[in-house]
Amino acid sequence: MANPFVHIELNSADIAAAKAFYGQLFGWALTDVDMGGGFTYTMINVGEGTGGGMMQSPVPGQSFWLAYTGVDDIHAATEKARSLGAKVMREPMEVMGSGWLSIIVDPTGAHLGLWQPKAAA
């Protein structure tokens, strides 16, 4: 299947409570990664299937899940989404040398992340 979901991210109003809940509910392996500047990202290893991460929500008091779809060219995919009526919430940006992401809102109001992994050396 082209453009599968590749990462699922929880933006949580309470990271400690989310980690306790999902760790106990599903037994997920949670690993904190220091992203610098006082920002910590928690990687979610689910074993088999699509993993993800958790971070402090950028929207105070709100928690939400965001799915990321894999793309071959982050800039082209973001521009194509825009041309089809999507609002671009986050322009393409590099993520710690591992790839690039952008975040769009489709014409119906649904949020979606786009992810282009860094090519293997």
N, C-alpha and C. Protein backbone atom coordinates (compact mmCIF):
# COMPACT_ATOMS: atom_id res chain seq x y z
N MET A 1 0.85 -1.18 0.00
CA MET A 1 0.00 0.00 0.00
C MET A 1 0.89 1.24 0.00
N ALA A 2 0.58 2.17 -0.83
CA ALA A 2 1.33 3.42 -0.88
C ALA A 2 0.93 4.32 0.29
N ASN A 3 1.90 5.06 0.80
CA ASN A 3 1.68 6.05 1.86
C ASN A 3 0.98 5.48 3.10
N PRO A 4 1.58 4.47 3.73
CA PRO A 4 1.00 3.91 4.96
C PRO A 4 1.18 4.85 6.15
N PHE A 5 0.41 4.61 7.19
CA PHE A 5 0.65 5.30 8.44
C PHE A 5 1.98 4.78 9.00
N VAL A 6 2.87 5.69 9.39
CA VAL A 6 4.20 5.29 9.83
C VAL A 6 4.53 5.68 11.26
N HIS A 7 3.73 6.54 11.87
CA HIS A 7 4.02 7.02 13.21
C HIS A 7 2.71 7.59 13.77
N ILE A 8 2.44 7.31 15.03
CA ILE A 8 1.26 7.85 15.69
C ILE A 8 1.74 8.60 16.93
N GLU A 9 1.29 9.84 17.08
CA GLU A 9 1.84 10.70 18.13
C GLU A 9 0.74 11.22 19.05
N LEU A 10 0.96 11.07 20.35
CA LEU A 10 0.06 11.63 21.34
C LEU A 10 0.60 12.97 21.81
N ASN A 11 -0.20 14.00 21.62
CA ASN A 11 0.09 15.32 22.17
C ASN A 11 -0.78 15.42 23.42
N SER A 12 -0.15 15.35 24.60
CA SER A 12 -0.90 15.20 25.84
C SER A 12 -0.80 16.43 26.73
N ALA A 13 -1.92 16.74 27.37
CA ALA A 13 -1.96 17.82 28.36
C ALA A 13 -1.27 17.38 29.65
N ASP A 14 -1.09 16.06 29.85
CA ASP A 14 -0.45 15.53 31.05
C ASP A 14 0.37 14.29 30.67
N ILE A 15 1.62 14.51 30.32
CA ILE A 15 2.49 13.43 29.85
C ILE A 15 2.66 12.33 30.90
N ALA A 16 2.87 12.70 32.15
CA ALA A 16 3.07 11.69 33.19
C ALA A 16 1.86 10.77 33.29
N ALA A 17 0.67 11.33 33.28
CA ALA A 17 -0.55 10.52 33.36
C ALA A 17 -0.72 9.66 32.11
N ALA A 18 -0.41 10.22 30.94
CA ALA A 18 -0.53 9.46 29.69
C ALA A 18 0.44 8.28 29.68
N LYS A 19 1.68 8.53 30.10
CA LYS A 19 2.67 7.45 30.13
C LYS A 19 2.23 6.34 31.09
N ALA A 20 1.74 6.71 32.26
CA ALA A 20 1.28 5.71 33.22
C ALA A 20 0.10 4.92 32.66
N PHE A 21 -0.85 5.61 32.06
CA PHE A 21 -2.04 4.95 31.53
C PHE A 21 -1.70 3.98 30.40
N TYR A 22 -1.03 4.46 29.37
CA TYR A 22 -0.77 3.61 28.20
C TYR A 22 0.28 2.54 28.49
N GLY A 23 1.23 2.85 29.35
CA GLY A 23 2.21 1.83 29.74
C GLY A 23 1.54 0.66 30.44
N GLN A 24 0.59 0.96 31.33
CA GLN A 24 -0.12 -0.09 32.05
C GLN A 24 -1.19 -0.76 31.18
N LEU A 25 -1.89 0.02 30.37
CA LEU A 25 -2.96 -0.53 29.55
C LEU A 25 -2.43 -1.52 28.50
N PHE A 26 -1.36 -1.12 27.80
CA PHE A 26 -0.88 -1.92 26.68
C PHE A 26 0.50 -2.54 26.89
N GLY A 27 1.20 -2.13 27.94
CA GLY A 27 2.55 -2.64 28.15
C GLY A 27 3.56 -2.09 27.15
N TRP A 28 3.27 -0.92 26.59
CA TRP A 28 4.19 -0.31 25.64
C TRP A 28 5.51 0.03 26.31
N ALA A 29 6.61 -0.13 25.58
CA ALA A 29 7.93 0.31 26.06
C ALA A 29 8.06 1.79 25.73
N LEU A 30 8.23 2.61 26.75
CA LEU A 30 8.31 4.07 26.60
C LEU A 30 9.73 4.53 26.93
N THR A 31 10.33 5.27 26.01
CA THR A 31 11.70 5.74 26.19
C THR A 31 11.75 7.24 25.99
N ASP A 32 12.19 7.97 27.01
CA ASP A 32 12.33 9.42 26.91
C ASP A 32 13.60 9.78 26.15
N VAL A 33 13.46 10.74 25.23
CA VAL A 33 14.59 11.23 24.44
C VAL A 33 14.71 12.73 24.68
N ASP A 34 15.88 13.18 25.11
CA ASP A 34 16.13 14.60 25.32
C ASP A 34 16.32 15.26 23.97
N MET A 35 15.41 16.16 23.62
CA MET A 35 15.47 16.83 22.33
C MET A 35 16.20 18.17 22.41
N GLY A 36 16.67 18.53 23.60
CA GLY A 36 17.35 19.81 23.78
C GLY A 36 16.36 20.90 24.14
N GLY A 37 16.87 21.95 24.73
CA GLY A 37 16.05 23.09 25.09
C GLY A 37 14.97 22.78 26.10
N GLY A 38 15.18 21.75 26.92
CA GLY A 38 14.21 21.39 27.94
C GLY A 38 13.03 20.59 27.40
N PHE A 39 13.10 20.15 26.14
CA PHE A 39 12.01 19.39 25.52
C PHE A 39 12.34 17.91 25.51
N THR A 40 11.42 17.10 26.02
CA THR A 40 11.57 15.64 26.04
C THR A 40 10.49 15.03 25.16
N TYR A 41 10.89 14.08 24.32
CA TYR A 41 9.96 13.34 23.47
C TYR A 41 10.01 11.89 23.92
N THR A 42 8.87 11.28 24.13
CA THR A 42 8.80 9.89 24.58
C THR A 42 8.48 9.00 23.39
N MET A 43 9.42 8.11 23.04
CA MET A 43 9.20 7.16 21.95
C MET A 43 8.34 6.02 22.47
N ILE A 44 7.42 5.55 21.62
CA ILE A 44 6.54 4.43 21.96
C ILE A 44 6.94 3.24 21.08
N ASN A 45 7.38 2.16 21.73
CA ASN A 45 7.67 0.94 21.01
C ASN A 45 6.55 -0.04 21.33
N VAL A 46 5.78 -0.39 20.30
CA VAL A 46 4.63 -1.26 20.50
C VAL A 46 4.94 -2.72 20.19
N GLY A 47 6.20 -3.00 19.83
CA GLY A 47 6.57 -4.35 19.42
C GLY A 47 6.33 -4.49 17.93
N GLU A 48 5.25 -5.13 17.53
CA GLU A 48 4.89 -5.24 16.12
C GLU A 48 3.93 -4.12 15.76
N GLY A 49 4.02 -3.65 14.53
CA GLY A 49 3.10 -2.61 14.06
C GLY A 49 3.71 -1.23 14.16
N THR A 50 2.90 -0.24 13.91
CA THR A 50 3.34 1.14 13.87
C THR A 50 3.51 1.69 15.27
N GLY A 51 4.70 2.17 15.58
CA GLY A 51 4.98 2.79 16.86
C GLY A 51 4.69 4.28 16.80
N GLY A 52 5.20 4.99 17.77
CA GLY A 52 4.94 6.41 17.78
C GLY A 52 5.68 7.13 18.88
N GLY A 53 5.05 8.19 19.36
CA GLY A 53 5.67 9.00 20.39
C GLY A 53 4.63 9.79 21.17
N MET A 54 5.11 10.41 22.25
CA MET A 54 4.28 11.28 23.09
C MET A 54 5.05 12.55 23.37
N MET A 55 4.32 13.64 23.45
CA MET A 55 4.94 14.91 23.84
C MET A 55 3.91 15.81 24.49
N GLN A 56 4.40 16.84 25.15
CA GLN A 56 3.51 17.83 25.75
C GLN A 56 2.72 18.50 24.64
N SER A 57 1.42 18.61 24.82
CA SER A 57 0.56 19.20 23.81
C SER A 57 0.90 20.67 23.59
N PRO A 58 0.96 21.09 22.31
CA PRO A 58 1.18 22.51 22.03
C PRO A 58 -0.08 23.34 22.27
N VAL A 59 -1.21 22.67 22.49
CA VAL A 59 -2.48 23.35 22.75
C VAL A 59 -2.80 23.15 24.23
N PRO A 60 -2.63 24.19 25.06
CA PRO A 60 -2.84 24.05 26.50
C PRO A 60 -4.18 23.42 26.84
N GLY A 61 -4.13 22.40 27.74
CA GLY A 61 -5.34 21.76 28.22
C GLY A 61 -5.97 20.76 27.28
N GLN A 62 -5.37 20.53 26.10
CA GLN A 62 -5.96 19.60 25.14
C GLN A 62 -5.02 18.45 24.85
N SER A 63 -5.59 17.26 24.70
CA SER A 63 -4.83 16.08 24.30
C SER A 63 -5.43 15.54 23.02
N PHE A 64 -4.57 15.06 22.13
CA PHE A 64 -5.06 14.49 20.88
C PHE A 64 -3.99 13.61 20.25
N TRP A 65 -4.44 12.63 19.48
CA TRP A 65 -3.56 11.76 18.71
C TRP A 65 -3.42 12.32 17.31
N LEU A 66 -2.23 12.21 16.73
CA LEU A 66 -1.97 12.65 15.36
C LEU A 66 -1.25 11.53 14.62
N ALA A 67 -1.84 11.09 13.51
CA ALA A 67 -1.22 10.05 12.68
C ALA A 67 -0.33 10.71 11.63
N TYR A 68 0.79 10.04 11.32
CA TYR A 68 1.70 10.49 10.26
C TYR A 68 1.69 9.48 9.13
N THR A 69 1.63 9.97 7.90
CA THR A 69 1.66 9.14 6.71
C THR A 69 3.02 9.30 6.03
N GLY A 70 3.61 8.21 5.59
CA GLY A 70 4.90 8.25 4.92
C GLY A 70 4.78 8.81 3.51
N VAL A 71 5.73 9.67 3.15
CA VAL A 71 5.79 10.26 1.81
C VAL A 71 7.22 10.18 1.30
N ASP A 72 7.37 10.21 -0.03
CA ASP A 72 8.70 10.17 -0.63
C ASP A 72 9.38 11.54 -0.67
N ASP A 73 8.58 12.61 -0.79
CA ASP A 73 9.11 13.97 -0.91
C ASP A 73 8.22 14.90 -0.08
N ILE A 74 8.72 15.30 1.08
CA ILE A 74 7.91 16.09 2.02
C ILE A 74 7.46 17.42 1.41
N HIS A 75 8.33 18.06 0.65
CA HIS A 75 7.97 19.36 0.07
C HIS A 75 6.89 19.20 -0.99
N ALA A 76 7.05 18.21 -1.89
CA ALA A 76 6.06 17.99 -2.94
C ALA A 76 4.71 17.56 -2.35
N ALA A 77 4.74 16.67 -1.36
CA ALA A 77 3.49 16.20 -0.75
C ALA A 77 2.77 17.33 -0.03
N THR A 78 3.53 18.18 0.67
CA THR A 78 2.93 19.30 1.38
C THR A 78 2.30 20.28 0.40
N GLU A 79 3.01 20.57 -0.68
CA GLU A 79 2.47 21.50 -1.69
C GLU A 79 1.26 20.90 -2.40
N LYS A 80 1.28 19.60 -2.66
CA LYS A 80 0.12 18.95 -3.30
C LYS A 80 -1.09 19.04 -2.39
N ALA A 81 -0.89 18.79 -1.09
CA ALA A 81 -1.99 18.91 -0.14
C ALA A 81 -2.56 20.33 -0.14
N ARG A 82 -1.66 21.31 -0.14
CA ARG A 82 -2.09 22.72 -0.15
C ARG A 82 -2.91 23.00 -1.42
N SER A 83 -2.44 22.49 -2.57
CA SER A 83 -3.13 22.74 -3.84
C SER A 83 -4.51 22.08 -3.87
N LEU A 84 -4.70 21.04 -3.05
CA LEU A 84 -5.98 20.34 -2.98
C LEU A 84 -6.90 20.91 -1.89
N GLY A 85 -6.48 22.01 -1.28
CA GLY A 85 -7.33 22.69 -0.30
C GLY A 85 -6.96 22.51 1.15
N ALA A 86 -5.85 21.83 1.43
CA ALA A 86 -5.42 21.66 2.82
C ALA A 86 -4.79 22.95 3.33
N LYS A 87 -4.91 23.15 4.63
CA LYS A 87 -4.20 24.23 5.31
C LYS A 87 -2.93 23.62 5.88
N VAL A 88 -1.81 24.25 5.65
CA VAL A 88 -0.55 23.74 6.18
C VAL A 88 -0.31 24.38 7.55
N MET A 89 -0.36 23.54 8.59
CA MET A 89 -0.18 24.02 9.96
C MET A 89 1.30 24.13 10.33
N ARG A 90 2.12 23.22 9.80
CA ARG A 90 3.57 23.26 10.01
C ARG A 90 4.22 22.94 8.69
N GLU A 91 4.97 23.91 8.20
CA GLU A 91 5.73 23.72 6.97
C GLU A 91 6.78 22.63 7.20
N PRO A 92 7.29 22.02 6.13
CA PRO A 92 8.29 20.97 6.30
C PRO A 92 9.46 21.43 7.18
N MET A 93 9.83 20.56 8.13
CA MET A 93 10.96 20.85 9.01
C MET A 93 11.73 19.56 9.27
N GLU A 94 13.03 19.70 9.44
CA GLU A 94 13.86 18.53 9.73
C GLU A 94 13.73 18.18 11.21
N VAL A 95 13.77 16.87 11.51
CA VAL A 95 13.65 16.38 12.87
C VAL A 95 14.93 15.62 13.22
N MET A 96 15.80 16.28 13.93
CA MET A 96 17.03 15.69 14.48
C MET A 96 17.76 14.74 13.52
N GLY A 97 17.86 15.09 12.27
CA GLY A 97 18.61 14.29 11.33
C GLY A 97 17.97 12.97 10.94
N SER A 98 16.73 12.71 11.41
CA SER A 98 16.09 11.43 11.11
C SER A 98 15.09 11.52 9.96
N GLY A 99 14.70 12.73 9.62
CA GLY A 99 13.74 12.91 8.53
C GLY A 99 13.10 14.28 8.61
N TRP A 100 11.98 14.43 7.89
CA TRP A 100 11.28 15.70 7.82
C TRP A 100 9.79 15.47 8.03
N LEU A 101 9.13 16.44 8.68
CA LEU A 101 7.70 16.35 8.87
C LEU A 101 7.03 17.64 8.45
N SER A 102 5.75 17.55 8.15
CA SER A 102 4.87 18.70 8.02
C SER A 102 3.52 18.27 8.58
N ILE A 103 2.67 19.23 8.91
CA ILE A 103 1.35 18.92 9.44
C ILE A 103 0.33 19.72 8.64
N ILE A 104 -0.69 19.00 8.17
CA ILE A 104 -1.74 19.64 7.37
C ILE A 104 -3.10 19.43 8.05
N VAL A 105 -4.04 20.27 7.64
CA VAL A 105 -5.45 20.09 8.01
C VAL A 105 -6.20 19.96 6.70
N ASP A 106 -6.86 18.82 6.50
CA ASP A 106 -7.54 18.59 5.22
C ASP A 106 -8.77 19.50 5.11
N PRO A 107 -9.39 19.57 3.92
CA PRO A 107 -10.54 20.46 3.74
C PRO A 107 -11.72 20.17 4.66
N THR A 108 -11.74 18.98 5.29
CA THR A 108 -12.85 18.67 6.21
C THR A 108 -12.51 19.02 7.65
N GLY A 109 -11.26 19.45 7.91
CA GLY A 109 -10.85 19.83 9.26
C GLY A 109 -10.03 18.78 10.00
N ALA A 110 -9.73 17.65 9.36
CA ALA A 110 -8.94 16.60 10.01
C ALA A 110 -7.45 16.89 9.88
N HIS A 111 -6.72 16.70 10.98
CA HIS A 111 -5.27 16.91 11.01
C HIS A 111 -4.55 15.63 10.58
N LEU A 112 -3.42 15.80 9.87
CA LEU A 112 -2.60 14.68 9.44
C LEU A 112 -1.16 15.14 9.36
N GLY A 113 -0.25 14.30 9.85
CA GLY A 113 1.17 14.57 9.70
C GLY A 113 1.70 13.86 8.47
N LEU A 114 2.66 14.46 7.81
CA LEU A 114 3.37 13.84 6.69
C LEU A 114 4.80 13.63 7.15
N TRP A 115 5.39 12.48 6.79
CA TRP A 115 6.74 12.13 7.26
C TRP A 115 7.57 11.56 6.12
N GLN A 116 8.75 12.16 5.91
CA GLN A 116 9.72 11.64 4.95
C GLN A 116 10.96 11.24 5.75
N PRO A 117 11.25 9.94 5.83
CA PRO A 117 12.45 9.52 6.57
C PRO A 117 13.70 9.89 5.80
N LYS A 118 14.78 10.09 6.55
CA LYS A 118 16.07 10.34 5.93
C LYS A 118 16.50 9.06 5.22
N ALA A 119 17.04 9.22 4.02
CA ALA A 119 17.49 8.06 3.26
C ALA A 119 18.62 7.36 4.00
N ALA A 120 18.60 6.04 3.97
CA ALA A 120 19.64 5.24 4.59
C ALA A 120 20.97 5.48 3.87
N ALA A 121 22.04 5.64 4.63
CA ALA A 121 23.35 5.92 4.05
C ALA A 121 23.98 4.68 3.47
